[in-house]
Amino acid sequence: MRVQSNLDNIGACGCGRAPEGKCNGWHGLTEEAYLMELELWQQSNESSQVDAQANEFRNT
């Protein structure tokens, strides 16, 4: 990725593995380790969304 060409790309994921679009170092993982990390991230993200929805419901 040529960050020098476009400063908006600083920190952007160049390998396509980072679920949020910013480099998180997953480019260095084996395929097996990447899949495990992705599954953990998805579970954590789903849990966070459920918590946020519950808090929103309580505040209405």
PDB file of N, CA and C in Angstrom:
ATOM      1  N   MET A   1       0.856  -1.164   0.000  1.00  0.00           N
ATOM      2  CA  MET A   1       0.000   0.000   0.000  1.00  0.00           C
ATOM      3  C   MET A   1       0.899   1.223   0.000  1.00  0.00           C
ATOM      4  N   ARG A   2       0.598   2.182  -0.821  1.00  0.00           N
ATOM      5  CA  ARG A   2       1.409   3.379  -0.923  1.00  0.00           C
ATOM      6  C   ARG A   2       0.784   4.503  -0.117  1.00  0.00           C
ATOM      7  N   VAL A   3       1.108   4.542   1.155  1.00  0.00           N
ATOM      8  CA  VAL A   3       0.562   5.546   2.057  1.00  0.00           C
ATOM      9  C   VAL A   3       0.999   6.932   1.632  1.00  0.00           C
ATOM     10  N   GLN A   4       2.203   7.044   1.114  1.00  0.00           N
ATOM     11  CA  GLN A   4       2.712   8.351   0.707  1.00  0.00           C
ATOM     12  C   GLN A   4       1.832   8.969  -0.368  1.00  0.00           C
ATOM     13  N   SER A   5       1.188   8.158  -1.183  1.00  0.00           N
ATOM     14  CA  SER A   5       0.335   8.663  -2.242  1.00  0.00           C
ATOM     15  C   SER A   5      -0.979   9.212  -1.710  1.00  0.00           C
ATOM     16  N   ASN A   6      -1.467   8.631  -0.634  1.00  0.00           N
ATOM     17  CA  ASN A   6      -2.758   9.034  -0.090  1.00  0.00           C
ATOM     18  C   ASN A   6      -2.680   8.982   1.433  1.00  0.00           C
ATOM     19  N   LEU A   7      -2.584  10.124   2.068  1.00  0.00           N
ATOM     20  CA  LEU A   7      -2.429  10.171   3.518  1.00  0.00           C
ATOM     21  C   LEU A   7      -3.628   9.603   4.265  1.00  0.00           C
ATOM     22  N   ASP A   8      -4.784   9.494   3.607  1.00  0.00           N
ATOM     23  CA  ASP A   8      -5.961   8.887   4.244  1.00  0.00           C
ATOM     24  C   ASP A   8      -5.741   7.405   4.510  1.00  0.00           C
ATOM     25  N   ASN A   9      -4.747   6.800   3.858  1.00  0.00           N
ATOM     26  CA  ASN A   9      -4.485   5.366   4.005  1.00  0.00           C
ATOM     27  C   ASN A   9      -3.585   5.044   5.184  1.00  0.00           C
ATOM     28  N   ILE A  10      -3.123   6.034   5.922  1.00  0.00           N
ATOM     29  CA  ILE A  10      -2.250   5.763   7.059  1.00  0.00           C
ATOM     30  C   ILE A  10      -2.999   4.886   8.064  1.00  0.00           C
ATOM     31  N   GLY A  11      -2.418   3.763   8.389  1.00  0.00           N
ATOM     32  CA  GLY A  11      -3.019   2.834   9.335  1.00  0.00           C
ATOM     33  C   GLY A  11      -4.056   1.912   8.735  1.00  0.00           C
ATOM     34  N   ALA A  12      -4.346   2.066   7.455  1.00  0.00           N
ATOM     35  CA  ALA A  12      -5.359   1.227   6.816  1.00  0.00           C
ATOM     36  C   ALA A  12      -4.835  -0.193   6.631  1.00  0.00           C
ATOM     37  N   CYS A  13      -5.741  -1.133   6.650  1.00  0.00           N
ATOM     38  CA  CYS A  13      -5.396  -2.541   6.453  1.00  0.00           C
ATOM     39  C   CYS A  13      -5.112  -2.771   4.973  1.00  0.00           C
ATOM     40  N   GLY A  14      -3.942  -3.306   4.699  1.00  0.00           N
ATOM     41  CA  GLY A  14      -3.584  -3.589   3.323  1.00  0.00           C
ATOM     42  C   GLY A  14      -3.815  -5.025   2.907  1.00  0.00           C
ATOM     43  N   CYS A  15      -4.028  -5.907   3.883  1.00  0.00           N
ATOM     44  CA  CYS A  15      -4.179  -7.331   3.558  1.00  0.00           C
ATOM     45  C   CYS A  15      -5.643  -7.772   3.506  1.00  0.00           C
ATOM     46  N   GLY A  16      -6.538  -6.961   4.053  1.00  0.00           N
ATOM     47  CA  GLY A  16      -7.950  -7.305   4.042  1.00  0.00           C
ATOM     48  C   GLY A  16      -8.410  -8.142   5.213  1.00  0.00           C
ATOM     49  N   ARG A  17      -7.529  -8.391   6.169  1.00  0.00           N
ATOM     50  CA  ARG A  17      -7.897  -9.241   7.301  1.00  0.00           C
ATOM     51  C   ARG A  17      -8.518  -8.463   8.458  1.00  0.00           C
ATOM     52  N   ALA A  18      -8.207  -7.207   8.609  1.00  0.00           N
ATOM     53  CA  ALA A  18      -8.688  -6.436   9.750  1.00  0.00           C
ATOM     54  C   ALA A  18     -10.177  -6.122   9.574  1.00  0.00           C
ATOM     55  N   PRO A  19     -11.023  -6.575  10.484  1.00  0.00           N
ATOM     56  CA  PRO A  19     -12.457  -6.409  10.316  1.00  0.00           C
ATOM     57  C   PRO A  19     -12.930  -4.958  10.380  1.00  0.00           C
ATOM     58  N   GLU A  20     -12.159  -4.081  10.984  1.00  0.00           N
ATOM     59  CA  GLU A  20     -12.591  -2.690  11.092  1.00  0.00           C
ATOM     60  C   GLU A  20     -11.863  -1.770  10.117  1.00  0.00           C
ATOM     61  N   GLY A  21     -11.014  -2.346   9.261  1.00  0.00           N
ATOM     62  CA  GLY A  21     -10.378  -1.559   8.223  1.00  0.00           C
ATOM     63  C   GLY A  21      -9.044  -0.928   8.597  1.00  0.00           C
ATOM     64  N   LYS A  22      -8.699  -0.915   9.856  1.00  0.00           N
ATOM     65  CA  LYS A  22      -7.408  -0.383  10.306  1.00  0.00           C
ATOM     66  C   LYS A  22      -6.503  -1.542  10.665  1.00  0.00           C
ATOM     67  N   CYS A  23      -5.225  -1.424  10.326  1.00  0.00           N
ATOM     68  CA  CYS A  23      -4.272  -2.509  10.568  1.00  0.00           C
ATOM     69  C   CYS A  23      -4.248  -2.877  12.048  1.00  0.00           C
ATOM     70  N   ASN A  24      -4.382  -4.161  12.317  1.00  0.00           N
ATOM     71  CA  ASN A  24      -4.315  -4.662  13.684  1.00  0.00           C
ATOM     72  C   ASN A  24      -3.258  -5.747  13.826  1.00  0.00           C
ATOM     73  N   GLY A  25      -2.422  -5.918  12.809  1.00  0.00           N
ATOM     74  CA  GLY A  25      -1.329  -6.873  12.868  1.00  0.00           C
ATOM     75  C   GLY A  25      -1.679  -8.278  12.434  1.00  0.00           C
ATOM     76  N   TRP A  26      -2.907  -8.521  12.036  1.00  0.00           N
ATOM     77  CA  TRP A  26      -3.321  -9.869  11.664  1.00  0.00           C
ATOM     78  C   TRP A  26      -2.656 -10.350  10.384  1.00  0.00           C
ATOM     79  N   HIS A  27      -2.001  -9.470   9.646  1.00  0.00           N
ATOM     80  CA  HIS A  27      -1.325  -9.878   8.418  1.00  0.00           C
ATOM     81  C   HIS A  27      -0.200 -10.863   8.710  1.00  0.00           C
ATOM     82  N   GLY A  28       0.313 -10.866   9.932  1.00  0.00           N
ATOM     83  CA  GLY A  28       1.403 -11.749  10.307  1.00  0.00           C
ATOM     84  C   GLY A  28       0.966 -13.104  10.832  1.00  0.00           C
ATOM     85  N   LEU A  29      -0.337 -13.329  10.925  1.00  0.00           N
ATOM     86  CA  LEU A  29      -0.849 -14.592  11.476  1.00  0.00           C
ATOM     87  C   LEU A  29      -0.930 -15.669  10.404  1.00  0.00           C
ATOM     88  N   THR A  30      -0.796 -16.913  10.847  1.00  0.00           N
ATOM     89  CA  THR A  30      -1.076 -18.016   9.934  1.00  0.00           C
ATOM     90  C   THR A  30      -2.575 -18.016   9.653  1.00  0.00           C
ATOM     91  N   GLU A  31      -2.987 -18.734   8.646  1.00  0.00           N
ATOM     92  CA  GLU A  31      -4.414 -18.798   8.319  1.00  0.00           C
ATOM     93  C   GLU A  31      -5.220 -19.340   9.501  1.00  0.00           C
ATOM     94  N   GLU A  32      -4.697 -20.366  10.150  1.00  0.00           N
ATOM     95  CA  GLU A  32      -5.388 -20.963  11.295  1.00  0.00           C
ATOM     96  C   GLU A  32      -5.521 -19.959  12.444  1.00  0.00           C
ATOM     97  N   ALA A  33      -4.440 -19.274  12.766  1.00  0.00           N
ATOM     98  CA  ALA A  33      -4.463 -18.285  13.852  1.00  0.00           C
ATOM     99  C   ALA A  33      -5.383 -17.122  13.491  1.00  0.00           C
ATOM    100  N   TYR A  34      -5.356 -16.707  12.233  1.00  0.00           N
ATOM    101  CA  TYR A  34      -6.247 -15.627  11.780  1.00  0.00           C
ATOM    102  C   TYR A  34      -7.711 -16.010  11.969  1.00  0.00           C
ATOM    103  N   LEU A  35      -8.079 -17.218  11.575  1.00  0.00           N
ATOM    104  CA  LEU A  35      -9.469 -17.653  11.699  1.00  0.00           C
ATOM    105  C   LEU A  35      -9.910 -17.707  13.163  1.00  0.00           C
ATOM    106  N   MET A  36      -8.997 -18.116  14.049  1.00  0.00           N
ATOM    107  CA  MET A  36      -9.327 -18.139  15.483  1.00  0.00           C
ATOM    108  C   MET A  36      -9.522 -16.714  16.013  1.00  0.00           C
ATOM    109  N   GLU A  37      -8.621 -15.810  15.631  1.00  0.00           N
ATOM    110  CA  GLU A  37      -8.733 -14.419  16.081  1.00  0.00           C
ATOM    111  C   GLU A  37     -10.016 -13.779  15.540  1.00  0.00           C
ATOM    112  N   LEU A  38     -10.335 -14.058  14.295  1.00  0.00           N
ATOM    113  CA  LEU A  38     -11.544 -13.508  13.691  1.00  0.00           C
ATOM    114  C   LEU A  38     -12.786 -13.998  14.430  1.00  0.00           C
ATOM    115  N   GLU A  39     -12.816 -15.281  14.765  1.00  0.00           N
ATOM    116  CA  GLU A  39     -13.958 -15.834  15.498  1.00  0.00           C
ATOM    117  C   GLU A  39     -14.086 -15.179  16.872  1.00  0.00           C
ATOM    118  N   LEU A  40     -12.972 -15.005  17.572  1.00  0.00           N
ATOM    119  CA  LEU A  40     -12.996 -14.328  18.877  1.00  0.00           C
ATOM    120  C   LEU A  40     -13.473 -12.893  18.741  1.00  0.00           C
ATOM    121  N   TRP A  41     -12.998 -12.199  17.711  1.00  0.00           N
ATOM    122  CA  TRP A  41     -13.409 -10.809  17.484  1.00  0.00           C
ATOM    123  C   TRP A  41     -14.917 -10.746  17.214  1.00  0.00           C
ATOM    124  N   GLN A  42     -15.416 -11.661  16.382  1.00  0.00           N
ATOM    125  CA  GLN A  42     -16.845 -11.673  16.061  1.00  0.00           C
ATOM    126  C   GLN A  42     -17.688 -11.920  17.309  1.00  0.00           C
ATOM    127  N   GLN A  43     -17.266 -12.867  18.151  1.00  0.00           N
ATOM    128  CA  GLN A  43     -17.997 -13.150  19.383  1.00  0.00           C
ATOM    129  C   GLN A  43     -17.990 -11.934  20.306  1.00  0.00           C
ATOM    130  N   SER A  44     -16.853 -11.293  20.433  1.00  0.00           N
ATOM    131  CA  SER A  44     -16.729 -10.114  21.284  1.00  0.00           C
ATOM    132  C   SER A  44     -17.584  -8.972  20.743  1.00  0.00           C
ATOM    133  N   ASN A  45     -17.568  -8.793  19.433  1.00  0.00           N
ATOM    134  CA  ASN A  45     -18.327  -7.718  18.803  1.00  0.00           C
ATOM    135  C   ASN A  45     -19.827  -7.952  18.956  1.00  0.00           C
ATOM    136  N   GLU A  46     -20.266  -9.188  18.792  1.00  0.00           N
ATOM    137  CA  GLU A  46     -21.682  -9.513  18.966  1.00  0.00           C
ATOM    138  C   GLU A  46     -22.110  -9.255  20.405  1.00  0.00           C
ATOM    139  N   SER A  47     -21.270  -9.638  21.350  1.00  0.00           N
ATOM    140  CA  SER A  47     -21.552  -9.427  22.766  1.00  0.00           C
ATOM    141  C   SER A  47     -21.663  -7.940  23.079  1.00  0.00           C
ATOM    142  N   SER A  48     -20.779  -7.143  22.507  1.00  0.00           N
ATOM    143  CA  SER A  48     -20.801  -5.694  22.727  1.00  0.00           C
ATOM    144  C   SER A  48     -22.074  -5.080  22.161  1.00  0.00           C
ATOM    145  N   GLN A  49     -22.524  -5.559  21.019  1.00  0.00           N
ATOM    146  CA  GLN A  49     -23.744  -5.036  20.405  1.00  0.00           C
ATOM    147  C   GLN A  49     -24.961  -5.369  21.256  1.00  0.00           C
ATOM    148  N   VAL A  50     -25.008  -6.577  21.797  1.00  0.00           N
ATOM    149  CA  VAL A  50     -26.124  -6.978  22.659  1.00  0.00           C
ATOM    150  C   VAL A  50     -26.149  -6.092  23.902  1.00  0.00           C
ATOM    151  N   ASP A  51     -24.976  -5.854  24.507  1.00  0.00           N
ATOM    152  CA  ASP A  51     -24.894  -4.995  25.688  1.00  0.00           C
ATOM    153  C   ASP A  51     -25.358  -3.583  25.372  1.00  0.00           C
ATOM    154  N   ALA A  52     -24.964  -3.056  24.229  1.00  0.00           N
ATOM    155  CA  ALA A  52     -25.352  -1.704  23.841  1.00  0.00           C
ATOM    156  C   ALA A  52     -26.858  -1.611  23.627  1.00  0.00           C
ATOM    157  N   GLN A  53     -27.445  -2.629  23.019  1.00  0.00           N
ATOM    158  CA  GLN A  53     -28.891  -2.635  22.794  1.00  0.00           C
ATOM    159  C   GLN A  53     -29.636  -2.727  24.119  1.00  0.00           C
ATOM    160  N   ALA A  54     -29.139  -3.516  25.054  1.00  0.00           N
ATOM    161  CA  ALA A  54     -29.775  -3.640  26.359  1.00  0.00           C
ATOM    162  C   ALA A  54     -29.710  -2.310  27.105  1.00  0.00           C
ATOM    163  N   ASN A  55     -28.578  -1.635  27.041  1.00  0.00           N
ATOM    164  CA  ASN A  55     -28.449  -0.326  27.697  1.00  0.00           C
ATOM    165  C   ASN A  55     -29.371   0.695  27.062  1.00  0.00           C
ATOM    166  N   GLU A  56     -29.487   0.656  25.753  1.00  0.00           N
ATOM    167  CA  GLU A  56     -30.376   1.584  25.047  1.00  0.00           C
ATOM    168  C   GLU A  56     -31.835   1.329  25.464  1.00  0.00           C
ATOM    169  N   PHE A  57     -32.218   0.070  25.584  1.00  0.00           N
ATOM    170  CA  PHE A  57     -33.577  -0.284  25.988  1.00  0.00           C
ATOM    171  C   PHE A  57     -33.869   0.218  27.400  1.00  0.00           C
ATOM    172  N   ARG A  58     -32.894   0.077  28.301  1.00  0.00           N
ATOM    173  CA  ARG A  58     -33.075   0.523  29.677  1.00  0.00           C
ATOM    174  C   ARG A  58     -33.209   2.030  29.786  1.00  0.00           C
ATOM    175  N   ASN A  59     -32.590   2.749  28.871  1.00  0.00           N
ATOM    176  CA  ASN A  59     -32.598   4.207  28.927  1.00  0.00           C
ATOM    177  C   ASN A  59     -33.800   4.835  28.246  1.00  0.00           C
ATOM    178  N   THR A  60     -34.675   4.017  27.685  1.00  0.00           N
ATOM    179  CA  THR A  60     -35.857   4.589  27.017  1.00  0.00           C
ATOM    180  C   THR A  60     -37.073   4.508  27.894  1.00  0.00           C
TER     181      THR A  60
END
